[in-house]
Amino acid sequence: MKVQKSFIPSIFTIFNLFSGFLAILEIFHGRYITGIVLIMVAAIFDGLDGKVARRLQQVSEFGIEFDSLADIVSFCVAPSILINILFASELGFIGRILSFFPLLFGGVRLARFNIQMTGKKMLYYTGLPVPVNAITIGSFIWFHDKLFGNYGDPKIILPMVVVLSFLMVSHIRVSPVPKISFHKGIFIITKSIFIIVAFLLMIIFPGYTIFPVFGAFIVTQLLIWMVGYEEPRLHFSIRRKGR
């Protein structure tokens, strides 16, 4: 059976959606770390579907909408359920509201993204992407379990969830992961080395390194936004586009 070229990107979206579905099942069965790992697997498939669509020149409105529906499950519903079961179930109505934040603000973030999306590769994202939010929350729980043998203190995780949720609908500029290059100056070379080292550490020691790497990434993006700094390459691209 021959698969149509236009359907190939959607295969990765289906894997994203299925991973998110499995993550929810694992969370309900008390296998929280497995659920977190499946959310991260979903994020890998989410990154691949867009790249494949652009490479095959098969970007479509259907693909964008289907991708967002999958993201709602994997990166909004799954984290909200995880937060509610682990940290907010005993807080009553307030706990339900707080654990609803990743789903609510993630949904708003995705709806805004779809309106802005033109099918072209964006120079930067506006607001924290939903996969980054979900991975940060999940990796914090994993990190805390590795270091201290428990999933964390609600007094720490719930304020973090609120802050990350508002970052998703904020107007901060979040840079996509840059391409690795060793021929474009010391700044790009240094960044490329850091990305490679961080990537290897996240593969070898995922429970210990994913949260520090993602936490450092978010803090860096916030600092860049607050001081109004833009990479020379990004600034040059934006200025040329405006001419």
C-alpha atoms as a PDB file:
ATOM      1  CA  MET A   1       0.000   0.000   0.000  1.00  0.00           C
ATOM      2  CA  LYS A   2       1.516   3.283  -1.117  1.00  0.00           C
ATOM      3  CA  VAL A   3       1.366   6.159   1.378  1.00  0.00           C
ATOM      4  CA  GLN A   4       0.580   9.551  -0.114  1.00  0.00           C
ATOM      5  CA  LYS A   5       3.362  12.079   0.259  1.00  0.00           C
ATOM      6  CA  SER A   6       1.021  14.604   1.880  1.00  0.00           C
ATOM      7  CA  PHE A   7       0.165  12.119   4.652  1.00  0.00           C
ATOM      8  CA  ILE A   8       3.756  11.400   5.752  1.00  0.00           C
ATOM      9  CA  PRO A   9       4.032  14.397   8.172  1.00  0.00           C
ATOM     10  CA  SER A  10       0.731  13.350   9.777  1.00  0.00           C
ATOM     11  CA  ILE A  11       2.239   9.956  10.647  1.00  0.00           C
ATOM     12  CA  PHE A  12       4.592  11.724  13.067  1.00  0.00           C
ATOM     13  CA  THR A  13       1.657  13.722  14.431  1.00  0.00           C
ATOM     14  CA  ILE A  14      -0.198  10.461  15.066  1.00  0.00           C
ATOM     15  CA  PHE A  15       2.843   9.147  16.970  1.00  0.00           C
ATOM     16  CA  ASN A  16       2.822  12.386  18.988  1.00  0.00           C
ATOM     17  CA  LEU A  17      -0.859  11.955  19.807  1.00  0.00           C
ATOM     18  CA  PHE A  18      -0.467   8.268  20.654  1.00  0.00           C
ATOM     19  CA  SER A  19       2.501   8.996  22.938  1.00  0.00           C
ATOM     20  CA  GLY A  20       0.441  11.632  24.752  1.00  0.00           C
ATOM     21  CA  PHE A  21      -2.443   9.179  25.109  1.00  0.00           C
ATOM     22  CA  LEU A  22      -0.111   6.522  26.545  1.00  0.00           C
ATOM     23  CA  ALA A  23       1.383   9.135  28.890  1.00  0.00           C
ATOM     24  CA  ILE A  24      -2.063   9.881  30.324  1.00  0.00           C
ATOM     25  CA  LEU A  25      -2.744   6.164  30.843  1.00  0.00           C
ATOM     26  CA  GLU A  26       0.601   5.711  32.636  1.00  0.00           C
ATOM     27  CA  ILE A  27      -0.080   8.720  34.867  1.00  0.00           C
ATOM     28  CA  PHE A  28      -3.506   7.356  35.838  1.00  0.00           C
ATOM     29  CA  HIS A  29      -1.867   4.036  36.737  1.00  0.00           C
ATOM     30  CA  GLY A  30       0.670   5.747  38.991  1.00  0.00           C
ATOM     31  CA  ARG A  31       3.659   5.267  36.691  1.00  0.00           C
ATOM     32  CA  TYR A  32       4.491   8.955  36.680  1.00  0.00           C
ATOM     33  CA  ILE A  33       8.074   8.842  35.401  1.00  0.00           C
ATOM     34  CA  THR A  34       7.058   6.604  32.499  1.00  0.00           C
ATOM     35  CA  GLY A  35       4.315   9.097  31.699  1.00  0.00           C
ATOM     36  CA  ILE A  36       6.841  11.946  31.769  1.00  0.00           C
ATOM     37  CA  VAL A  37       9.168  10.046  29.428  1.00  0.00           C
ATOM     38  CA  LEU A  38       6.267   9.499  27.022  1.00  0.00           C
ATOM     39  CA  ILE A  39       5.509  13.243  27.047  1.00  0.00           C
ATOM     40  CA  MET A  40       9.134  13.802  26.012  1.00  0.00           C
ATOM     41  CA  VAL A  41       8.824  11.162  23.282  1.00  0.00           C
ATOM     42  CA  ALA A  42       5.739  13.019  22.043  1.00  0.00           C
ATOM     43  CA  ALA A  43       7.829  16.207  21.893  1.00  0.00           C
ATOM     44  CA  ILE A  44      10.357  14.457  19.632  1.00  0.00           C
ATOM     45  CA  PHE A  45       7.609  13.429  17.217  1.00  0.00           C
ATOM     46  CA  ASP A  46       6.141  16.938  17.427  1.00  0.00           C
ATOM     47  CA  GLY A  47       9.476  18.389  16.332  1.00  0.00           C
ATOM     48  CA  LEU A  48       9.778  15.913  13.476  1.00  0.00           C
ATOM     49  CA  ASP A  49       6.364  16.409  11.871  1.00  0.00           C
ATOM     50  CA  GLY A  50       6.993  20.078  11.091  1.00  0.00           C
ATOM     51  CA  LYS A  51      10.495  19.435   9.767  1.00  0.00           C
ATOM     52  CA  VAL A  52       9.274  16.613   7.547  1.00  0.00           C
ATOM     53  CA  ALA A  53       6.363  18.724   6.269  1.00  0.00           C
ATOM     54  CA  ARG A  54       8.703  21.582   5.304  1.00  0.00           C
ATOM     55  CA  ARG A  55      11.255  19.229   3.760  1.00  0.00           C
ATOM     56  CA  LEU A  56       8.582  17.525   1.648  1.00  0.00           C
ATOM     57  CA  GLN A  57       6.856  20.880   0.977  1.00  0.00           C
ATOM     58  CA  GLN A  58       3.637  19.473   2.398  1.00  0.00           C
ATOM     59  CA  VAL A  59       2.743  22.183   4.932  1.00  0.00           C
ATOM     60  CA  SER A  60      -1.048  22.482   5.046  1.00  0.00           C
ATOM     61  CA  GLU A  61      -3.830  23.951   7.170  1.00  0.00           C
ATOM     62  CA  PHE A  62      -4.969  20.426   7.989  1.00  0.00           C
ATOM     63  CA  GLY A  63      -1.478  19.508   9.205  1.00  0.00           C
ATOM     64  CA  ILE A  64      -1.242  22.613  11.382  1.00  0.00           C
ATOM     65  CA  GLU A  65      -4.651  22.004  12.978  1.00  0.00           C
ATOM     66  CA  PHE A  66      -4.035  18.276  13.480  1.00  0.00           C
ATOM     67  CA  ASP A  67      -0.668  19.028  15.075  1.00  0.00           C
ATOM     68  CA  SER A  68      -2.289  21.462  17.511  1.00  0.00           C
ATOM     69  CA  LEU A  69      -4.936  18.924  18.508  1.00  0.00           C
ATOM     70  CA  ALA A  70      -2.194  16.374  19.216  1.00  0.00           C
ATOM     71  CA  ASP A  71      -0.248  18.992  21.197  1.00  0.00           C
ATOM     72  CA  ILE A  72      -3.318  19.726  23.321  1.00  0.00           C
ATOM     73  CA  VAL A  73      -3.360  16.093  24.453  1.00  0.00           C
ATOM     74  CA  SER A  74       0.389  15.518  24.873  1.00  0.00           C
ATOM     75  CA  PHE A  75       1.526  18.864  26.277  1.00  0.00           C
ATOM     76  CA  CYS A  76      -1.588  20.357  27.887  1.00  0.00           C
ATOM     77  CA  VAL A  77      -3.943  17.609  29.079  1.00  0.00           C
ATOM     78  CA  ALA A  78      -1.200  15.200  30.199  1.00  0.00           C
ATOM     79  CA  PRO A  79       0.724  17.766  32.334  1.00  0.00           C
ATOM     80  CA  SER A  80      -2.506  19.073  33.859  1.00  0.00           C
ATOM     81  CA  ILE A  81      -3.528  15.561  34.922  1.00  0.00           C
ATOM     82  CA  LEU A  82      -0.020  14.902  36.243  1.00  0.00           C
ATOM     83  CA  ILE A  83      -0.037  18.089  38.335  1.00  0.00           C
ATOM     84  CA  ASN A  84      -3.528  17.426  39.664  1.00  0.00           C
ATOM     85  CA  ILE A  85      -2.830  13.857  40.765  1.00  0.00           C
ATOM     86  CA  LEU A  86       0.584  14.519  42.311  1.00  0.00           C
ATOM     87  CA  PHE A  87       0.210  17.982  43.843  1.00  0.00           C
ATOM     88  CA  ALA A  88      -3.273  19.463  43.698  1.00  0.00           C
ATOM     89  CA  SER A  89      -5.824  16.726  44.380  1.00  0.00           C
ATOM     90  CA  GLU A  90      -6.016  17.601  48.089  1.00  0.00           C
ATOM     91  CA  LEU A  91      -6.375  21.350  47.533  1.00  0.00           C
ATOM     92  CA  GLY A  92     -10.003  21.179  46.460  1.00  0.00           C
ATOM     93  CA  PHE A  93     -11.321  23.668  43.921  1.00  0.00           C
ATOM     94  CA  ILE A  94      -8.157  25.814  44.065  1.00  0.00           C
ATOM     95  CA  GLY A  95      -6.088  22.755  43.221  1.00  0.00           C
ATOM     96  CA  ARG A  96      -8.280  22.007  40.224  1.00  0.00           C
ATOM     97  CA  ILE A  97      -7.888  25.570  38.976  1.00  0.00           C
ATOM     98  CA  LEU A  98      -4.100  25.509  39.323  1.00  0.00           C
ATOM     99  CA  SER A  99      -3.749  22.137  37.619  1.00  0.00           C
ATOM    100  CA  PHE A 100      -6.028  23.411  34.824  1.00  0.00           C
ATOM    101  CA  PHE A 101      -3.558  26.196  33.983  1.00  0.00           C
ATOM    102  CA  PRO A 102      -1.308  24.178  31.598  1.00  0.00           C
ATOM    103  CA  LEU A 103      -4.388  23.097  29.645  1.00  0.00           C
ATOM    104  CA  LEU A 104      -6.018  26.529  29.604  1.00  0.00           C
ATOM    105  CA  PHE A 105      -2.998  28.647  28.748  1.00  0.00           C
ATOM    106  CA  GLY A 106      -1.543  25.960  26.483  1.00  0.00           C
ATOM    107  CA  GLY A 107      -4.778  25.946  24.484  1.00  0.00           C
ATOM    108  CA  VAL A 108      -4.684  29.734  24.161  1.00  0.00           C
ATOM    109  CA  ARG A 109      -1.020  29.559  23.129  1.00  0.00           C
ATOM    110  CA  LEU A 110      -1.754  27.013  20.393  1.00  0.00           C
ATOM    111  CA  ALA A 111      -4.773  28.947  19.078  1.00  0.00           C
ATOM    112  CA  ARG A 112      -2.663  32.121  18.841  1.00  0.00           C
ATOM    113  CA  PHE A 113       0.138  30.224  17.134  1.00  0.00           C
ATOM    114  CA  ASN A 114      -2.224  28.835  14.487  1.00  0.00           C
ATOM    115  CA  ILE A 115      -3.459  32.328  13.667  1.00  0.00           C
ATOM    116  CA  GLN A 116       0.120  33.591  13.291  1.00  0.00           C
ATOM    117  CA  MET A 117       1.369  30.553  11.405  1.00  0.00           C
ATOM    118  CA  THR A 118       1.926  31.161   7.701  1.00  0.00           C
ATOM    119  CA  GLY A 119       3.597  27.881   6.754  1.00  0.00           C
ATOM    120  CA  LYS A 120       7.047  29.467   6.749  1.00  0.00           C
ATOM    121  CA  LYS A 121       9.760  28.824   9.269  1.00  0.00           C
ATOM    122  CA  MET A 122       9.497  31.453  12.009  1.00  0.00           C
ATOM    123  CA  LEU A 123      12.528  33.377  13.228  1.00  0.00           C
ATOM    124  CA  TYR A 124      11.301  33.107  16.803  1.00  0.00           C
ATOM    125  CA  TYR A 125       8.296  31.977  18.840  1.00  0.00           C
ATOM    126  CA  THR A 126       6.076  34.400  20.736  1.00  0.00           C
ATOM    127  CA  GLY A 127       5.574  32.960  24.191  1.00  0.00           C
ATOM    128  CA  LEU A 128       6.889  29.728  25.645  1.00  0.00           C
ATOM    129  CA  PRO A 129       6.068  26.770  23.354  1.00  0.00           C
ATOM    130  CA  VAL A 130       3.783  24.174  24.923  1.00  0.00           C
ATOM    131  CA  PRO A 131       6.262  21.268  24.544  1.00  0.00           C
ATOM    132  CA  VAL A 132       8.905  23.291  26.438  1.00  0.00           C
ATOM    133  CA  ASN A 133       6.395  23.952  29.217  1.00  0.00           C
ATOM    134  CA  ALA A 134       5.401  20.278  29.467  1.00  0.00           C
ATOM    135  CA  ILE A 135       8.993  19.023  29.421  1.00  0.00           C
ATOM    136  CA  THR A 136      10.063  21.563  32.052  1.00  0.00           C
ATOM    137  CA  ILE A 137       7.286  20.500  34.418  1.00  0.00           C
ATOM    138  CA  GLY A 138       7.868  16.801  33.826  1.00  0.00           C
ATOM    139  CA  SER A 139      11.644  16.997  34.016  1.00  0.00           C
ATOM    140  CA  PHE A 140      11.445  18.905  37.322  1.00  0.00           C
ATOM    141  CA  ILE A 141       9.451  16.031  38.824  1.00  0.00           C
ATOM    142  CA  TRP A 142      11.918  13.494  37.413  1.00  0.00           C
ATOM    143  CA  PHE A 143      14.897  15.557  38.597  1.00  0.00           C
ATOM    144  CA  HIS A 144      13.481  15.846  42.125  1.00  0.00           C
ATOM    145  CA  ASP A 145      12.758  12.117  42.235  1.00  0.00           C
ATOM    146  CA  LYS A 146      16.348  11.340  41.201  1.00  0.00           C
ATOM    147  CA  LEU A 147      17.912  13.667  43.762  1.00  0.00           C
ATOM    148  CA  PHE A 148      15.571  13.375  46.733  1.00  0.00           C
ATOM    149  CA  GLY A 149      13.468  10.267  46.159  1.00  0.00           C
ATOM    150  CA  ASN A 150      10.163  12.160  45.963  1.00  0.00           C
ATOM    151  CA  TYR A 151       8.260  14.123  43.330  1.00  0.00           C
ATOM    152  CA  GLY A 152       8.661  17.572  44.865  1.00  0.00           C
ATOM    153  CA  ASP A 153       6.934  20.080  47.116  1.00  0.00           C
ATOM    154  CA  PRO A 154       3.597  21.544  45.940  1.00  0.00           C
ATOM    155  CA  LYS A 155       4.745  24.894  47.366  1.00  0.00           C
ATOM    156  CA  ILE A 156       7.480  24.915  44.707  1.00  0.00           C
ATOM    157  CA  ILE A 157       5.932  23.122  41.750  1.00  0.00           C
ATOM    158  CA  LEU A 158       2.542  24.889  41.759  1.00  0.00           C
ATOM    159  CA  PRO A 159       3.983  28.463  41.627  1.00  0.00           C
ATOM    160  CA  MET A 160       6.308  27.239  38.876  1.00  0.00           C
ATOM    161  CA  VAL A 161       3.328  25.886  36.954  1.00  0.00           C
ATOM    162  CA  VAL A 162       1.573  29.264  37.247  1.00  0.00           C
ATOM    163  CA  VAL A 163       4.653  31.184  36.031  1.00  0.00           C
ATOM    164  CA  LEU A 164       5.244  28.818  33.099  1.00  0.00           C
ATOM    165  CA  SER A 165       1.571  28.979  32.149  1.00  0.00           C
ATOM    166  CA  PHE A 166       1.640  32.771  31.914  1.00  0.00           C
ATOM    167  CA  LEU A 167       4.904  32.598  29.959  1.00  0.00           C
ATOM    168  CA  MET A 168       3.080  30.552  27.314  1.00  0.00           C
ATOM    169  CA  VAL A 169       0.719  33.444  26.581  1.00  0.00           C
ATOM    170  CA  SER A 170       3.299  36.190  27.131  1.00  0.00           C
ATOM    171  CA  HIS A 171       4.996  38.163  24.370  1.00  0.00           C
ATOM    172  CA  ILE A 172       8.552  37.126  25.137  1.00  0.00           C
ATOM    173  CA  ARG A 173      10.553  36.024  22.119  1.00  0.00           C
ATOM    174  CA  VAL A 174      11.756  32.447  22.367  1.00  0.00           C
ATOM    175  CA  SER A 175      14.453  31.456  19.898  1.00  0.00           C
ATOM    176  CA  PRO A 176      14.180  28.097  18.167  1.00  0.00           C
ATOM    177  CA  VAL A 177      17.151  25.766  18.595  1.00  0.00           C
ATOM    178  CA  PRO A 178      19.781  27.140  16.183  1.00  0.00           C
ATOM    179  CA  LYS A 179      21.496  25.006  13.590  1.00  0.00           C
ATOM    180  CA  ILE A 180      24.862  23.627  14.591  1.00  0.00           C
ATOM    181  CA  SER A 181      27.746  25.176  12.662  1.00  0.00           C
ATOM    182  CA  PHE A 182      31.508  25.462  13.080  1.00  0.00           C
ATOM    183  CA  HIS A 183      32.102  27.990  10.289  1.00  0.00           C
ATOM    184  CA  LYS A 184      30.205  31.128  11.384  1.00  0.00           C
ATOM    185  CA  GLY A 185      32.309  32.796  14.050  1.00  0.00           C
ATOM    186  CA  ILE A 186      33.189  32.152  17.661  1.00  0.00           C
ATOM    187  CA  PHE A 187      29.691  32.977  18.981  1.00  0.00           C
ATOM    188  CA  ILE A 188      27.967  30.334  16.831  1.00  0.00           C
ATOM    189  CA  ILE A 189      30.765  27.793  17.358  1.00  0.00           C
ATOM    190  CA  THR A 190      30.565  28.167  21.152  1.00  0.00           C
ATOM    191  CA  LYS A 191      26.796  27.838  21.094  1.00  0.00           C
ATOM    192  CA  SER A 192      27.033  24.767  18.844  1.00  0.00           C
ATOM    193  CA  ILE A 193      29.462  23.072  21.245  1.00  0.00           C
ATOM    194  CA  PHE A 194      27.191  23.857  24.200  1.00  0.00           C
ATOM    195  CA  ILE A 195      24.162  22.418  22.368  1.00  0.00           C
ATOM    196  CA  ILE A 196      26.014  19.203  21.502  1.00  0.00           C
ATOM    197  CA  VAL A 197      27.276  18.735  25.074  1.00  0.00           C
ATOM    198  CA  ALA A 198      23.823  19.481  26.554  1.00  0.00           C
ATOM    199  CA  PHE A 199      22.171  17.085  24.106  1.00  0.00           C
ATOM    200  CA  LEU A 200      24.588  14.268  24.958  1.00  0.00           C
ATOM    201  CA  LEU A 201      24.125  14.822  28.692  1.00  0.00           C
ATOM    202  CA  MET A 202      20.340  14.727  28.320  1.00  0.00           C
ATOM    203  CA  ILE A 203      20.623  11.379  26.527  1.00  0.00           C
ATOM    204  CA  ILE A 204      23.113   9.826  28.974  1.00  0.00           C
ATOM    205  CA  PHE A 205      21.718  11.277  32.223  1.00  0.00           C
ATOM    206  CA  PRO A 206      18.151  12.364  31.356  1.00  0.00           C
ATOM    207  CA  GLY A 207      16.728  12.466  34.861  1.00  0.00           C
ATOM    208  CA  TYR A 208      19.556  14.664  36.126  1.00  0.00           C
ATOM    209  CA  THR A 209      20.138  17.009  33.183  1.00  0.00           C
ATOM    210  CA  ILE A 210      16.920  17.723  31.256  1.00  0.00           C
ATOM    211  CA  PHE A 211      15.457  20.045  33.881  1.00  0.00           C
ATOM    212  CA  PRO A 212      18.677  22.083  34.413  1.00  0.00           C
ATOM    213  CA  VAL A 213      19.103  22.461  30.645  1.00  0.00           C
ATOM    214  CA  PHE A 214      15.503  23.525  30.034  1.00  0.00           C
ATOM    215  CA  GLY A 215      15.504  25.731  33.124  1.00  0.00           C
ATOM    216  CA  ALA A 216      18.674  27.472  31.928  1.00  0.00           C
ATOM    217  CA  PHE A 217      17.142  27.880  28.465  1.00  0.00           C
ATOM    218  CA  ILE A 218      14.007  29.569  29.831  1.00  0.00           C
ATOM    219  CA  VAL A 219      15.973  31.873  32.160  1.00  0.00           C
ATOM    220  CA  THR A 220      18.277  32.814  29.283  1.00  0.00           C
ATOM    221  CA  GLN A 221      15.338  33.674  27.027  1.00  0.00           C
ATOM    222  CA  LEU A 222      13.808  35.804  29.783  1.00  0.00           C
ATOM    223  CA  LEU A 223      17.068  37.704  30.308  1.00  0.00           C
ATOM    224  CA  ILE A 224      17.485  38.273  26.573  1.00  0.00           C
ATOM    225  CA  TRP A 225      13.930  39.579  26.376  1.00  0.00           C
ATOM    226  CA  MET A 226      14.320  41.867  29.399  1.00  0.00           C
ATOM    227  CA  VAL A 227      17.524  43.503  28.171  1.00  0.00           C
ATOM    228  CA  GLY A 228      16.234  43.762  24.613  1.00  0.00           C
ATOM    229  CA  TYR A 229      19.153  41.795  23.156  1.00  0.00           C
ATOM    230  CA  GLU A 230      18.907  40.009  19.817  1.00  0.00           C
ATOM    231  CA  GLU A 231      21.479  37.773  18.193  1.00  0.00           C
ATOM    232  CA  PRO A 232      23.260  39.560  15.344  1.00  0.00           C
ATOM    233  CA  ARG A 233      22.052  36.917  12.882  1.00  0.00           C
ATOM    234  CA  LEU A 234      18.445  37.218  14.051  1.00  0.00           C
ATOM    235  CA  HIS A 235      18.541  41.026  14.119  1.00  0.00           C
ATOM    236  CA  PHE A 236      19.989  41.126  10.601  1.00  0.00           C
ATOM    237  CA  SER A 237      17.300  38.766   9.300  1.00  0.00           C
ATOM    238  CA  ILE A 238      14.484  40.813  10.857  1.00  0.00           C
ATOM    239  CA  ARG A 239      15.930  44.078   9.510  1.00  0.00           C
ATOM    240  CA  ARG A 240      16.267  42.680   5.996  1.00  0.00           C
ATOM    241  CA  LYS A 241      12.699  41.386   6.087  1.00  0.00           C
ATOM    242  CA  GLY A 242      11.439  44.838   7.047  1.00  0.00           C
ATOM    243  CA  ARG A 243      13.016  46.565   4.034  1.00  0.00           C
END
